[in-house]
Amino acid sequence: MEIPPELVAALQQQADACGLSVEAYLEAGLTRIMAGAEVLGAAKGQSAVQAFLDLVDADGLPLN
């Protein structure tokens, strides 16, 4: 999968503003997403992974 250069530039700009590398910035974001999925999953009686998949598949379109 190719990431558009404008997305890479935007991520770099956000990471720089936080004083982080792009990798650390993305990891922090994913950690926050999964923490939210854990809470949502617990409330729905699901695993965090299932809650996350339900969220990203909410539009009914394939994930790839």
N, C-alpha and C. Protein backbone atom coordinates (compact mmCIF):
# COMPACT_ATOMS: atom_id res chain seq x y z
N MET A 1 0.85 -1.17 0.00
CA MET A 1 0.00 0.00 0.00
C MET A 1 0.89 1.23 0.00
N GLU A 2 0.64 2.12 -0.92
CA GLU A 2 1.42 3.35 -1.00
C GLU A 2 0.70 4.46 -0.24
N ILE A 3 1.46 5.17 0.57
CA ILE A 3 0.90 6.27 1.34
C ILE A 3 1.17 7.56 0.58
N PRO A 4 0.12 8.33 0.28
CA PRO A 4 0.30 9.57 -0.48
C PRO A 4 1.27 10.52 0.23
N PRO A 5 2.15 11.17 -0.53
CA PRO A 5 3.14 12.07 0.06
C PRO A 5 2.52 13.18 0.91
N GLU A 6 1.35 13.67 0.53
CA GLU A 6 0.72 14.74 1.30
C GLU A 6 0.27 14.23 2.68
N LEU A 7 -0.10 12.96 2.78
CA LEU A 7 -0.45 12.38 4.07
C LEU A 7 0.80 12.22 4.94
N VAL A 8 1.88 11.77 4.34
CA VAL A 8 3.15 11.64 5.06
C VAL A 8 3.59 13.01 5.59
N ALA A 9 3.48 14.03 4.75
CA ALA A 9 3.87 15.39 5.16
C ALA A 9 3.00 15.89 6.31
N ALA A 10 1.70 15.63 6.23
CA ALA A 10 0.79 16.07 7.30
C ALA A 10 1.10 15.33 8.60
N LEU A 11 1.37 14.04 8.51
CA LEU A 11 1.73 13.27 9.71
C LEU A 11 3.04 13.78 10.31
N GLN A 12 4.00 14.09 9.43
CA GLN A 12 5.29 14.60 9.91
C GLN A 12 5.10 15.93 10.62
N GLN A 13 4.26 16.78 10.07
CA GLN A 13 4.00 18.09 10.67
C GLN A 13 3.36 17.93 12.06
N GLN A 14 2.38 17.04 12.17
CA GLN A 14 1.73 16.81 13.46
C GLN A 14 2.70 16.20 14.46
N ALA A 15 3.50 15.24 14.01
CA ALA A 15 4.48 14.61 14.89
C ALA A 15 5.50 15.63 15.38
N ASP A 16 5.98 16.47 14.47
CA ASP A 16 6.94 17.52 14.85
C ASP A 16 6.34 18.45 15.90
N ALA A 17 5.07 18.80 15.73
CA ALA A 17 4.41 19.70 16.68
C ALA A 17 4.32 19.08 18.07
N CYS A 18 4.30 17.75 18.12
CA CYS A 18 4.24 17.05 19.41
C CYS A 18 5.62 16.66 19.92
N GLY A 19 6.63 16.93 19.12
CA GLY A 19 7.98 16.56 19.51
C GLY A 19 8.25 15.06 19.42
N LEU A 20 7.55 14.39 18.51
CA LEU A 20 7.67 12.95 18.36
C LEU A 20 8.10 12.58 16.95
N SER A 21 8.62 11.37 16.81
CA SER A 21 8.84 10.84 15.47
C SER A 21 7.48 10.44 14.90
N VAL A 22 7.40 10.27 13.60
CA VAL A 22 6.14 9.83 12.99
C VAL A 22 5.73 8.49 13.58
N GLU A 23 6.68 7.59 13.76
CA GLU A 23 6.37 6.28 14.30
C GLU A 23 5.78 6.39 15.71
N ALA A 24 6.38 7.20 16.55
CA ALA A 24 5.88 7.38 17.91
C ALA A 24 4.50 8.05 17.91
N TYR A 25 4.31 9.01 17.00
CA TYR A 25 3.02 9.70 16.89
C TYR A 25 1.92 8.72 16.49
N LEU A 26 2.21 7.87 15.50
CA LEU A 26 1.22 6.87 15.06
C LEU A 26 0.95 5.84 16.16
N GLU A 27 2.01 5.41 16.84
CA GLU A 27 1.84 4.44 17.93
C GLU A 27 0.97 5.02 19.04
N ALA A 28 1.20 6.27 19.39
CA ALA A 28 0.39 6.92 20.42
C ALA A 28 -1.07 6.99 19.99
N GLY A 29 -1.30 7.32 18.73
CA GLY A 29 -2.67 7.39 18.21
C GLY A 29 -3.36 6.04 18.24
N LEU A 30 -2.64 5.01 17.83
CA LEU A 30 -3.22 3.66 17.84
C LEU A 30 -3.48 3.18 19.26
N THR A 31 -2.61 3.56 20.19
CA THR A 31 -2.81 3.19 21.58
C THR A 31 -4.10 3.81 22.10
N ARG A 32 -4.34 5.07 21.75
CA ARG A 32 -5.57 5.75 22.19
C ARG A 32 -6.80 5.11 21.55
N ILE A 33 -6.69 4.75 20.27
CA ILE A 33 -7.82 4.10 19.58
C ILE A 33 -8.15 2.77 20.25
N MET A 34 -7.12 1.97 20.53
CA MET A 34 -7.37 0.66 21.12
C MET A 34 -7.87 0.78 22.56
N ALA A 35 -7.44 1.80 23.29
CA ALA A 35 -7.96 2.02 24.64
C ALA A 35 -9.46 2.31 24.57
N GLY A 36 -9.85 3.11 23.60
CA GLY A 36 -11.28 3.39 23.39
C GLY A 36 -12.03 2.14 22.99
N ALA A 37 -11.42 1.31 22.15
CA ALA A 37 -12.06 0.07 21.72
C ALA A 37 -12.23 -0.89 22.90
N GLU A 38 -11.29 -0.88 23.83
CA GLU A 38 -11.42 -1.73 25.02
C GLU A 38 -12.63 -1.31 25.85
N VAL A 39 -12.79 0.00 26.02
CA VAL A 39 -13.93 0.50 26.80
C VAL A 39 -15.23 0.18 26.07
N LEU A 40 -15.29 0.45 24.79
CA LEU A 40 -16.49 0.18 24.00
C LEU A 40 -16.79 -1.31 24.00
N GLY A 41 -15.76 -2.13 23.81
CA GLY A 41 -15.95 -3.57 23.80
C GLY A 41 -16.49 -4.08 25.13
N ALA A 42 -15.93 -3.57 26.22
CA ALA A 42 -16.41 -3.99 27.54
C ALA A 42 -17.87 -3.62 27.73
N ALA A 43 -18.25 -2.44 27.25
CA ALA A 43 -19.64 -2.00 27.39
C ALA A 43 -20.59 -2.85 26.55
N LYS A 44 -20.08 -3.38 25.45
CA LYS A 44 -20.91 -4.19 24.55
C LYS A 44 -20.72 -5.69 24.76
N GLY A 45 -19.86 -6.06 25.71
CA GLY A 45 -19.60 -7.48 25.94
C GLY A 45 -18.78 -8.10 24.83
N GLN A 46 -17.92 -7.32 24.20
CA GLN A 46 -17.08 -7.77 23.09
C GLN A 46 -15.61 -7.59 23.46
N SER A 47 -14.77 -8.21 22.65
CA SER A 47 -13.34 -7.94 22.79
C SER A 47 -13.03 -6.57 22.20
N ALA A 48 -11.88 -6.02 22.57
CA ALA A 48 -11.45 -4.74 22.01
C ALA A 48 -11.28 -4.86 20.51
N VAL A 49 -10.76 -5.99 20.05
CA VAL A 49 -10.54 -6.18 18.61
C VAL A 49 -11.87 -6.18 17.88
N GLN A 50 -12.87 -6.88 18.40
CA GLN A 50 -14.18 -6.91 17.73
C GLN A 50 -14.81 -5.53 17.72
N ALA A 51 -14.70 -4.79 18.81
CA ALA A 51 -15.25 -3.44 18.86
C ALA A 51 -14.55 -2.54 17.84
N PHE A 52 -13.22 -2.68 17.72
CA PHE A 52 -12.47 -1.90 16.74
C PHE A 52 -12.93 -2.26 15.33
N LEU A 53 -13.05 -3.54 15.04
CA LEU A 53 -13.48 -3.96 13.70
C LEU A 53 -14.88 -3.47 13.39
N ASP A 54 -15.75 -3.48 14.38
CA ASP A 54 -17.11 -2.95 14.17
C ASP A 54 -17.06 -1.46 13.81
N LEU A 55 -16.17 -0.72 14.47
CA LEU A 55 -16.06 0.71 14.19
C LEU A 55 -15.53 0.98 12.79
N VAL A 56 -14.45 0.30 12.41
CA VAL A 56 -13.85 0.60 11.11
C VAL A 56 -14.68 0.04 9.97
N ASP A 57 -15.54 -0.92 10.25
CA ASP A 57 -16.38 -1.52 9.21
C ASP A 57 -17.80 -0.94 9.24
N ALA A 58 -18.01 0.15 9.98
CA ALA A 58 -19.34 0.71 10.15
C ALA A 58 -19.98 1.15 8.84
N ASP A 59 -19.15 1.52 7.84
CA ASP A 59 -19.71 1.96 6.56
C ASP A 59 -20.03 0.80 5.64
N GLY A 60 -19.66 -0.44 6.04
CA GLY A 60 -19.96 -1.61 5.22
C GLY A 60 -19.01 -1.85 4.08
N LEU A 61 -18.00 -1.00 3.92
CA LEU A 61 -17.04 -1.17 2.83
C LEU A 61 -15.89 -2.05 3.29
N PRO A 62 -15.25 -2.76 2.37
CA PRO A 62 -14.11 -3.59 2.74
C PRO A 62 -13.00 -2.75 3.38
N LEU A 63 -12.27 -3.37 4.30
CA LEU A 63 -11.20 -2.65 5.00
C LEU A 63 -9.98 -2.44 4.13
N ASN A 64 -9.81 -3.20 3.07
CA ASN A 64 -8.61 -3.06 2.23
C ASN A 64 -8.86 -2.19 1.03
